[in-house]
Amino acid sequence: CTASSPVFSNYAIGWFRQDQGKDRELVASISGTG
């Protein structure tokens, strides 16, 4: 996941997944500092 920004460290990033007919669900998330 590329998120180009000079303040990349100020963005928390999440991965979600969604299958057909199902709700979107969290897979994992990481804070700006990691």
PDB file of all heavy atoms in Angstrom:
ATOM      1  N   CYS A   1       0.860  -1.177   0.000  1.00  0.00           N
ATOM      2  CA  CYS A   1       0.000   0.000   0.000  1.00  0.00           C
ATOM      3  C   CYS A   1       0.897   1.228   0.000  1.00  0.00           C
ATOM      4  O   CYS A   1       1.564   1.507   0.997  1.00  0.00           O
ATOM      5  CB  CYS A   1      -0.896  -0.004   1.232  1.00  0.00           C
ATOM      6  SG  CYS A   1      -1.835   1.519   1.472  1.00  0.00           S
ATOM      7  N   THR A   2       0.887   1.948  -1.093  1.00  0.00           N
ATOM      8  CA  THR A   2       1.699   3.153  -1.207  1.00  0.00           C
ATOM      9  C   THR A   2       0.840   4.379  -0.930  1.00  0.00           C
ATOM     10  O   THR A   2      -0.233   4.531  -1.519  1.00  0.00           O
ATOM     11  CB  THR A   2       2.336   3.254  -2.598  1.00  0.00           C
ATOM     12  OG1 THR A   2       3.156   2.106  -2.811  1.00  0.00           O
ATOM     13  CG2 THR A   2       3.191   4.503  -2.705  1.00  0.00           C
ATOM     14  N   ALA A   3       1.311   5.210  -0.036  1.00  0.00           N
ATOM     15  CA  ALA A   3       0.581   6.423   0.341  1.00  0.00           C
ATOM     16  C   ALA A   3       1.585   7.568   0.364  1.00  0.00           C
ATOM     17  O   ALA A   3       2.161   7.861   1.403  1.00  0.00           O
ATOM     18  CB  ALA A   3      -0.088   6.236   1.705  1.00  0.00           C
ATOM     19  N   SER A   4       1.771   8.178  -0.773  1.00  0.00           N
ATOM     20  CA  SER A   4       2.821   9.183  -0.915  1.00  0.00           C
ATOM     21  C   SER A   4       2.462  10.476  -0.204  1.00  0.00           C
ATOM     22  O   SER A   4       1.495  11.142  -0.560  1.00  0.00           O
ATOM     23  CB  SER A   4       3.075   9.449  -2.405  1.00  0.00           C
ATOM     24  OG  SER A   4       3.512   8.272  -3.047  1.00  0.00           O
ATOM     25  N   SER A   5       3.258  10.817   0.785  1.00  0.00           N
ATOM     26  CA  SER A   5       3.050  12.043   1.538  1.00  0.00           C
ATOM     27  C   SER A   5       4.321  12.374   2.291  1.00  0.00           C
ATOM     28  O   SER A   5       4.961  11.480   2.853  1.00  0.00           O
ATOM     29  CB  SER A   5       1.902  11.892   2.532  1.00  0.00           C
ATOM     30  OG  SER A   5       1.854  12.997   3.416  1.00  0.00           O
ATOM     31  N   PRO A   6       4.692  13.663   2.334  1.00  0.00           N
ATOM     32  CA  PRO A   6       5.865  14.041   3.121  1.00  0.00           C
ATOM     33  C   PRO A   6       5.664  13.841   4.616  1.00  0.00           C
ATOM     34  O   PRO A   6       6.644  13.876   5.374  1.00  0.00           O
ATOM     35  CB  PRO A   6       6.055  15.526   2.767  1.00  0.00           C
ATOM     36  CG  PRO A   6       4.726  15.987   2.294  1.00  0.00           C
ATOM     37  CD  PRO A   6       4.098  14.806   1.630  1.00  0.00           C
ATOM     38  N   VAL A   7       4.414  13.636   5.021  1.00  0.00           N
ATOM     39  CA  VAL A   7       4.145  13.374   6.436  1.00  0.00           C
ATOM     40  C   VAL A   7       3.569  11.977   6.593  1.00  0.00           C
ATOM     41  O   VAL A   7       2.602  11.748   7.329  1.00  0.00           O
ATOM     42  CB  VAL A   7       3.209  14.438   7.043  1.00  0.00           C
ATOM     43  CG1 VAL A   7       3.929  15.776   7.159  1.00  0.00           C
ATOM     44  CG2 VAL A   7       1.932  14.591   6.207  1.00  0.00           C
ATOM     45  N   PHE A   8       4.162  11.036   5.883  1.00  0.00           N
ATOM     46  CA  PHE A   8       3.695   9.649   5.890  1.00  0.00           C
ATOM     47  C   PHE A   8       3.557   9.119   7.309  1.00  0.00           C
ATOM     48  O   PHE A   8       2.643   8.353   7.614  1.00  0.00           O
ATOM     49  CB  PHE A   8       4.682   8.801   5.086  1.00  0.00           C
ATOM     50  CG  PHE A   8       4.348   7.338   5.036  1.00  0.00           C
ATOM     51  CD1 PHE A   8       3.267   6.875   4.302  1.00  0.00           C
ATOM     52  CD2 PHE A   8       5.129   6.406   5.711  1.00  0.00           C
ATOM     53  CE1 PHE A   8       2.962   5.525   4.238  1.00  0.00           C
ATOM     54  CE2 PHE A   8       4.842   5.053   5.656  1.00  0.00           C
ATOM     55  CZ  PHE A   8       3.755   4.618   4.914  1.00  0.00           C
ATOM     56  N   SER A   9       4.441   9.530   8.188  1.00  0.00           N
ATOM     57  CA  SER A   9       4.427   9.030   9.565  1.00  0.00           C
ATOM     58  C   SER A   9       3.239   9.549  10.374  1.00  0.00           C
ATOM     59  O   SER A   9       3.016   9.089  11.496  1.00  0.00           O
ATOM     60  CB  SER A   9       5.726   9.394  10.274  1.00  0.00           C
ATOM     61  OG  SER A   9       6.823   8.739   9.676  1.00  0.00           O
ATOM     62  N   ASN A  10       2.496  10.513   9.835  1.00  0.00           N
ATOM     63  CA  ASN A  10       1.297  11.000  10.498  1.00  0.00           C
ATOM     64  C   ASN A  10       0.037  10.281  10.047  1.00  0.00           C
ATOM     65  O   ASN A  10      -1.071  10.723  10.363  1.00  0.00           O
ATOM     66  CB  ASN A  10       1.131  12.510  10.247  1.00  0.00           C
ATOM     67  CG  ASN A  10       2.142  13.337  11.027  1.00  0.00           C
ATOM     68  OD1 ASN A  10       2.607  14.366  10.537  1.00  0.00           O
ATOM     69  ND2 ASN A  10       2.481  12.901  12.213  1.00  0.00           N
ATOM     70  N   TYR A  11       0.215   9.208   9.308  1.00  0.00           N
ATOM     71  CA  TYR A  11      -0.941   8.450   8.847  1.00  0.00           C
ATOM     72  C   TYR A  11      -0.924   7.049   9.447  1.00  0.00           C
ATOM     73  O   TYR A  11       0.021   6.289   9.218  1.00  0.00           O
ATOM     74  CB  TYR A  11      -0.959   8.344   7.320  1.00  0.00           C
ATOM     75  CG  TYR A  11      -1.349   9.629   6.642  1.00  0.00           C
ATOM     76  CD1 TYR A  11      -0.392  10.589   6.320  1.00  0.00           C
ATOM     77  CD2 TYR A  11      -2.688   9.893   6.343  1.00  0.00           C
ATOM     78  CE1 TYR A  11      -0.762  11.773   5.701  1.00  0.00           C
ATOM     79  CE2 TYR A  11      -3.058  11.079   5.723  1.00  0.00           C
ATOM     80  CZ  TYR A  11      -2.085  12.014   5.411  1.00  0.00           C
ATOM     81  OH  TYR A  11      -2.456  13.183   4.807  1.00  0.00           O
ATOM     82  N   ALA A  12      -1.969   6.745  10.194  1.00  0.00           N
ATOM     83  CA  ALA A  12      -2.196   5.352  10.555  1.00  0.00           C
ATOM     84  C   ALA A  12      -2.712   4.640   9.311  1.00  0.00           C
ATOM     85  O   ALA A  12      -3.403   5.245   8.478  1.00  0.00           O
ATOM     86  CB  ALA A  12      -3.211   5.248  11.686  1.00  0.00           C
ATOM     87  N   ILE A  13      -2.394   3.373   9.182  1.00  0.00           N
ATOM     88  CA  ILE A  13      -2.796   2.615   8.000  1.00  0.00           C
ATOM     89  C   ILE A  13      -3.503   1.341   8.428  1.00  0.00           C
ATOM     90  O   ILE A  13      -3.064   0.648   9.350  1.00  0.00           O
ATOM     91  CB  ILE A  13      -1.568   2.285   7.130  1.00  0.00           C
ATOM     92  CG1 ILE A  13      -1.007   3.588   6.551  1.00  0.00           C
ATOM     93  CG2 ILE A  13      -1.942   1.310   6.020  1.00  0.00           C
ATOM     94  CD1 ILE A  13       0.248   3.416   5.735  1.00  0.00           C
ATOM     95  N   GLY A  14      -4.574   1.052   7.743  1.00  0.00           N
ATOM     96  CA  GLY A  14      -5.325  -0.162   8.030  1.00  0.00           C
ATOM     97  C   GLY A  14      -5.514  -1.003   6.781  1.00  0.00           C
ATOM     98  O   GLY A  14      -5.546  -0.492   5.664  1.00  0.00           O
ATOM     99  N   TRP A  15      -5.604  -2.290   6.993  1.00  0.00           N
ATOM    100  CA  TRP A  15      -5.988  -3.240   5.945  1.00  0.00           C
ATOM    101  C   TRP A  15      -7.326  -3.853   6.342  1.00  0.00           C
ATOM    102  O   TRP A  15      -7.467  -4.371   7.452  1.00  0.00           O
ATOM    103  CB  TRP A  15      -4.953  -4.342   5.785  1.00  0.00           C
ATOM    104  CG  TRP A  15      -3.705  -3.948   5.076  1.00  0.00           C
ATOM    105  CD1 TRP A  15      -2.507  -3.617   5.632  1.00  0.00           C
ATOM    106  CD2 TRP A  15      -3.514  -3.858   3.659  1.00  0.00           C
ATOM    107  NE1 TRP A  15      -1.584  -3.326   4.647  1.00  0.00           N
ATOM    108  CE2 TRP A  15      -2.187  -3.470   3.419  1.00  0.00           C
ATOM    109  CE3 TRP A  15      -4.346  -4.075   2.551  1.00  0.00           C
ATOM    110  CZ2 TRP A  15      -1.657  -3.286   2.140  1.00  0.00           C
ATOM    111  CZ3 TRP A  15      -3.826  -3.888   1.287  1.00  0.00           C
ATOM    112  CH2 TRP A  15      -2.500  -3.496   1.087  1.00  0.00           C
ATOM    113  N   PHE A  16      -8.273  -3.774   5.427  1.00  0.00           N
ATOM    114  CA  PHE A  16      -9.584  -4.380   5.603  1.00  0.00           C
ATOM    115  C   PHE A  16      -9.824  -5.351   4.452  1.00  0.00           C
ATOM    116  O   PHE A  16      -9.160  -5.268   3.426  1.00  0.00           O
ATOM    117  CB  PHE A  16     -10.691  -3.311   5.603  1.00  0.00           C
ATOM    118  CG  PHE A  16     -10.758  -2.491   6.867  1.00  0.00           C
ATOM    119  CD1 PHE A  16      -9.818  -1.511   7.132  1.00  0.00           C
ATOM    120  CD2 PHE A  16     -11.775  -2.682   7.786  1.00  0.00           C
ATOM    121  CE1 PHE A  16      -9.869  -0.748   8.286  1.00  0.00           C
ATOM    122  CE2 PHE A  16     -11.847  -1.922   8.948  1.00  0.00           C
ATOM    123  CZ  PHE A  16     -10.893  -0.957   9.195  1.00  0.00           C
ATOM    124  N   ARG A  17     -10.775  -6.220   4.624  1.00  0.00           N
ATOM    125  CA  ARG A  17     -11.158  -7.116   3.528  1.00  0.00           C
ATOM    126  C   ARG A  17     -12.677  -7.265   3.508  1.00  0.00           C
ATOM    127  O   ARG A  17     -13.348  -7.130   4.525  1.00  0.00           O
ATOM    128  CB  ARG A  17     -10.484  -8.481   3.655  1.00  0.00           C
ATOM    129  CG  ARG A  17     -10.883  -9.285   4.891  1.00  0.00           C
ATOM    130  CD  ARG A  17     -10.004 -10.522   5.015  1.00  0.00           C
ATOM    131  NE  ARG A  17     -10.338 -11.306   6.205  1.00  0.00           N
ATOM    132  CZ  ARG A  17      -9.613 -12.325   6.654  1.00  0.00           C
ATOM    133  NH1 ARG A  17      -8.488 -12.671   6.015  1.00  0.00           N
ATOM    134  NH2 ARG A  17      -9.989 -12.992   7.740  1.00  0.00           N
ATOM    135  N   GLN A  18     -13.161  -7.546   2.308  1.00  0.00           N
ATOM    136  CA  GLN A  18     -14.599  -7.706   2.134  1.00  0.00           C
ATOM    137  C   GLN A  18     -14.880  -8.733   1.054  1.00  0.00           C
ATOM    138  O   GLN A  18     -14.426  -8.580  -0.077  1.00  0.00           O
ATOM    139  CB  GLN A  18     -15.256  -6.373   1.774  1.00  0.00           C
ATOM    140  CG  GLN A  18     -16.769  -6.433   1.722  1.00  0.00           C
ATOM    141  CD  GLN A  18     -17.393  -5.061   1.595  1.00  0.00           C
ATOM    142  OE1 GLN A  18     -16.774  -4.114   1.100  1.00  0.00           O
ATOM    143  NE2 GLN A  18     -18.616  -4.917   2.044  1.00  0.00           N
ATOM    144  N   ASP A  19     -15.612  -9.748   1.428  1.00  0.00           N
ATOM    145  CA  ASP A  19     -16.041 -10.751   0.475  1.00  0.00           C
ATOM    146  C   ASP A  19     -17.478 -10.432   0.092  1.00  0.00           C
ATOM    147  O   ASP A  19     -18.198  -9.731   0.805  1.00  0.00           O
ATOM    148  CB  ASP A  19     -15.921 -12.154   1.078  1.00  0.00           C
ATOM    149  CG  ASP A  19     -15.983 -13.241   0.034  1.00  0.00           C
ATOM    150  OD1 ASP A  19     -15.937 -12.917  -1.185  1.00  0.00           O
ATOM    151  OD2 ASP A  19     -16.067 -14.423   0.425  1.00  0.00           O
ATOM    152  N   GLN A  20     -17.928 -10.982  -1.006  1.00  0.00           N
ATOM    153  CA  GLN A  20     -19.283 -10.702  -1.501  1.00  0.00           C
ATOM    154  C   GLN A  20     -20.324 -11.082  -0.462  1.00  0.00           C
ATOM    155  O   GLN A  20     -20.297 -12.173   0.091  1.00  0.00           O
ATOM    156  CB  GLN A  20     -19.526 -11.454  -2.804  1.00  0.00           C
ATOM    157  CG  GLN A  20     -18.726 -10.917  -3.962  1.00  0.00           C
ATOM    158  CD  GLN A  20     -19.037 -11.623  -5.274  1.00  0.00           C
ATOM    159  OE1 GLN A  20     -19.688 -12.652  -5.273  1.00  0.00           O
ATOM    160  NE2 GLN A  20     -18.574 -11.065  -6.371  1.00  0.00           N
ATOM    161  N   GLY A  21     -21.218 -10.152  -0.206  1.00  0.00           N
ATOM    162  CA  GLY A  21     -22.314 -10.411   0.709  1.00  0.00           C
ATOM    163  C   GLY A  21     -21.953 -10.306   2.173  1.00  0.00           C
ATOM    164  O   GLY A  21     -22.790 -10.569   3.042  1.00  0.00           O
ATOM    165  N   LYS A  22     -20.706  -9.924   2.444  1.00  0.00           N
ATOM    166  CA  LYS A  22     -20.264  -9.833   3.835  1.00  0.00           C
ATOM    167  C   LYS A  22     -19.849  -8.406   4.160  1.00  0.00           C
ATOM    168  O   LYS A  22     -19.585  -7.593   3.280  1.00  0.00           O
ATOM    169  CB  LYS A  22     -19.101 -10.788   4.079  1.00  0.00           C
ATOM    170  CG  LYS A  22     -19.439 -12.262   3.880  1.00  0.00           C
ATOM    171  CD  LYS A  22     -18.229 -13.135   4.191  1.00  0.00           C
ATOM    172  CE  LYS A  22     -18.566 -14.607   3.994  1.00  0.00           C
ATOM    173  NZ  LYS A  22     -17.384 -15.478   4.258  1.00  0.00           N
ATOM    174  N   ASP A  23     -19.802  -8.134   5.447  1.00  0.00           N
ATOM    175  CA  ASP A  23     -19.355  -6.819   5.880  1.00  0.00           C
ATOM    176  C   ASP A  23     -17.850  -6.677   5.709  1.00  0.00           C
ATOM    177  O   ASP A  23     -17.110  -7.669   5.749  1.00  0.00           O
ATOM    178  CB  ASP A  23     -19.712  -6.592   7.357  1.00  0.00           C
ATOM    179  CG  ASP A  23     -21.208  -6.505   7.582  1.00  0.00           C
ATOM    180  OD1 ASP A  23     -21.933  -6.115   6.638  1.00  0.00           O
ATOM    181  OD2 ASP A  23     -21.645  -6.818   8.704  1.00  0.00           O
ATOM    182  N   ARG A  24     -17.406  -5.436   5.554  1.00  0.00           N
ATOM    183  CA  ARG A  24     -15.981  -5.179   5.508  1.00  0.00           C
ATOM    184  C   ARG A  24     -15.415  -5.377   6.906  1.00  0.00           C
ATOM    185  O   ARG A  24     -15.974  -4.888   7.886  1.00  0.00           O
ATOM    186  CB  ARG A  24     -15.725  -3.759   5.016  1.00  0.00           C
ATOM    187  CG  ARG A  24     -14.293  -3.430   4.732  1.00  0.00           C
ATOM    188  CD  ARG A  24     -14.160  -2.100   4.012  1.00  0.00           C
ATOM    189  NE  ARG A  24     -14.772  -2.145   2.692  1.00  0.00           N
ATOM    190  CZ  ARG A  24     -14.670  -1.155   1.797  1.00  0.00           C
ATOM    191  NH1 ARG A  24     -13.975  -0.070   2.083  1.00  0.00           N
ATOM    192  NH2 ARG A  24     -15.253  -1.257   0.630  1.00  0.00           N
ATOM    193  N   GLU A  25     -14.299  -6.082   7.014  1.00  0.00           N
ATOM    194  CA  GLU A  25     -13.737  -6.381   8.316  1.00  0.00           C
ATOM    195  C   GLU A  25     -12.265  -5.998   8.400  1.00  0.00           C
ATOM    196  O   GLU A  25     -11.528  -6.067   7.409  1.00  0.00           O
ATOM    197  CB  GLU A  25     -13.891  -7.877   8.639  1.00  0.00           C
ATOM    198  CG  GLU A  25     -13.153  -8.802   7.711  1.00  0.00           C
ATOM    199  CD  GLU A  25     -13.259 -10.261   8.126  1.00  0.00           C
ATOM    200  OE1 GLU A  25     -13.942 -10.561   9.118  1.00  0.00           O
ATOM    201  OE2 GLU A  25     -12.644 -11.110   7.441  1.00  0.00           O
ATOM    202  N   LEU A  26     -11.873  -5.615   9.590  1.00  0.00           N
ATOM    203  CA  LEU A  26     -10.478  -5.260   9.821  1.00  0.00           C
ATOM    204  C   LEU A  26      -9.602  -6.506   9.751  1.00  0.00           C
ATOM    205  O   LEU A  26      -9.930  -7.549  10.318  1.00  0.00           O
ATOM    206  CB  LEU A  26     -10.321  -4.615  11.206  1.00  0.00           C
ATOM    207  CG  LEU A  26      -8.880  -4.333  11.637  1.00  0.00           C
ATOM    208  CD1 LEU A  26      -8.315  -3.140  10.887  1.00  0.00           C
ATOM    209  CD2 LEU A  26      -8.797  -4.100  13.140  1.00  0.00           C
ATOM    210  N   VAL A  27      -8.482  -6.361   9.064  1.00  0.00           N
ATOM    211  CA  VAL A  27      -7.457  -7.401   9.069  1.00  0.00           C
ATOM    212  C   VAL A  27      -6.346  -7.006  10.036  1.00  0.00           C
ATOM    213  O   VAL A  27      -5.991  -7.776  10.936  1.00  0.00           O
ATOM    214  CB  VAL A  27      -6.890  -7.623   7.662  1.00  0.00           C
ATOM    215  CG1 VAL A  27      -5.791  -8.677   7.704  1.00  0.00           C
ATOM    216  CG2 VAL A  27      -7.996  -8.021   6.690  1.00  0.00           C
ATOM    217  N   ALA A  28      -5.822  -5.806   9.847  1.00  0.00           N
ATOM    218  CA  ALA A  28      -4.763  -5.317  10.724  1.00  0.00           C
ATOM    219  C   ALA A  28      -4.611  -3.816  10.535  1.00  0.00           C
ATOM    220  O   ALA A  28      -4.978  -3.275   9.487  1.00  0.00           O
ATOM    221  CB  ALA A  28      -3.433  -6.007  10.441  1.00  0.00           C
ATOM    222  N   SER A  29      -4.088  -3.156  11.561  1.00  0.00           N
ATOM    223  CA  SER A  29      -3.811  -1.725  11.449  1.00  0.00           C
ATOM    224  C   SER A  29      -2.493  -1.427  12.144  1.00  0.00           C
ATOM    225  O   SER A  29      -2.066  -2.171  13.045  1.00  0.00           O
ATOM    226  CB  SER A  29      -4.941  -0.900  12.054  1.00  0.00           C
ATOM    227  OG  SER A  29      -5.085  -1.179  13.431  1.00  0.00           O
ATOM    228  N   ILE A  30      -1.862  -0.338  11.717  1.00  0.00           N
ATOM    229  CA  ILE A  30      -0.557   0.029  12.254  1.00  0.00           C
ATOM    230  C   ILE A  30      -0.529   1.533  12.443  1.00  0.00           C
ATOM    231  O   ILE A  30      -1.014   2.294  11.599  1.00  0.00           O
ATOM    232  CB  ILE A  30       0.564  -0.472  11.321  1.00  0.00           C
ATOM    233  CG1 ILE A  30       1.941  -0.246  11.945  1.00  0.00           C
ATOM    234  CG2 ILE A  30       0.459   0.153   9.931  1.00  0.00           C
ATOM    235  CD1 ILE A  30       3.063  -0.982  11.196  1.00  0.00           C
ATOM    236  N   SER A  31       0.039   1.960  13.553  1.00  0.00           N
ATOM    237  CA  SER A  31       0.113   3.380  13.844  1.00  0.00           C
ATOM    238  C   SER A  31       1.134   4.068  12.946  1.00  0.00           C
ATOM    239  O   SER A  31       1.932   3.416  12.275  1.00  0.00           O
ATOM    240  CB  SER A  31       0.501   3.584  15.313  1.00  0.00           C
ATOM    241  OG  SER A  31       1.791   3.057  15.562  1.00  0.00           O
ATOM    242  N   GLY A  32       1.092   5.402  12.958  1.00  0.00           N
ATOM    243  CA  GLY A  32       1.985   6.173  12.108  1.00  0.00           C
ATOM    244  C   GLY A  32       3.456   5.885  12.369  1.00  0.00           C
ATOM    245  O   GLY A  32       4.273   5.868  11.448  1.00  0.00           O
ATOM    246  N   THR A  33       3.777   5.653  13.619  1.00  0.00           N
ATOM    247  CA  THR A  33       5.164   5.353  13.973  1.00  0.00           C
ATOM    248  C   THR A  33       5.519   3.897  13.753  1.00  0.00           C
ATOM    249  O   THR A  33       6.689   3.530  13.778  1.00  0.00           O
ATOM    250  CB  THR A  33       5.411   5.681  15.445  1.00  0.00           C
ATOM    251  OG1 THR A  33       4.512   4.902  16.240  1.00  0.00           O
ATOM    252  CG2 THR A  33       5.183   7.164  15.728  1.00  0.00           C
ATOM    253  N   GLY A  34       4.504   3.067  13.565  1.00  0.00           N
ATOM    254  CA  GLY A  34       4.745   1.636  13.413  1.00  0.00           C
ATOM    255  C   GLY A  34       4.897   0.899  14.721  1.00  0.00           C
ATOM    256  O   GLY A  34       5.113  -0.313  14.729  1.00  0.00           O
TER     257      GLY A  34
END
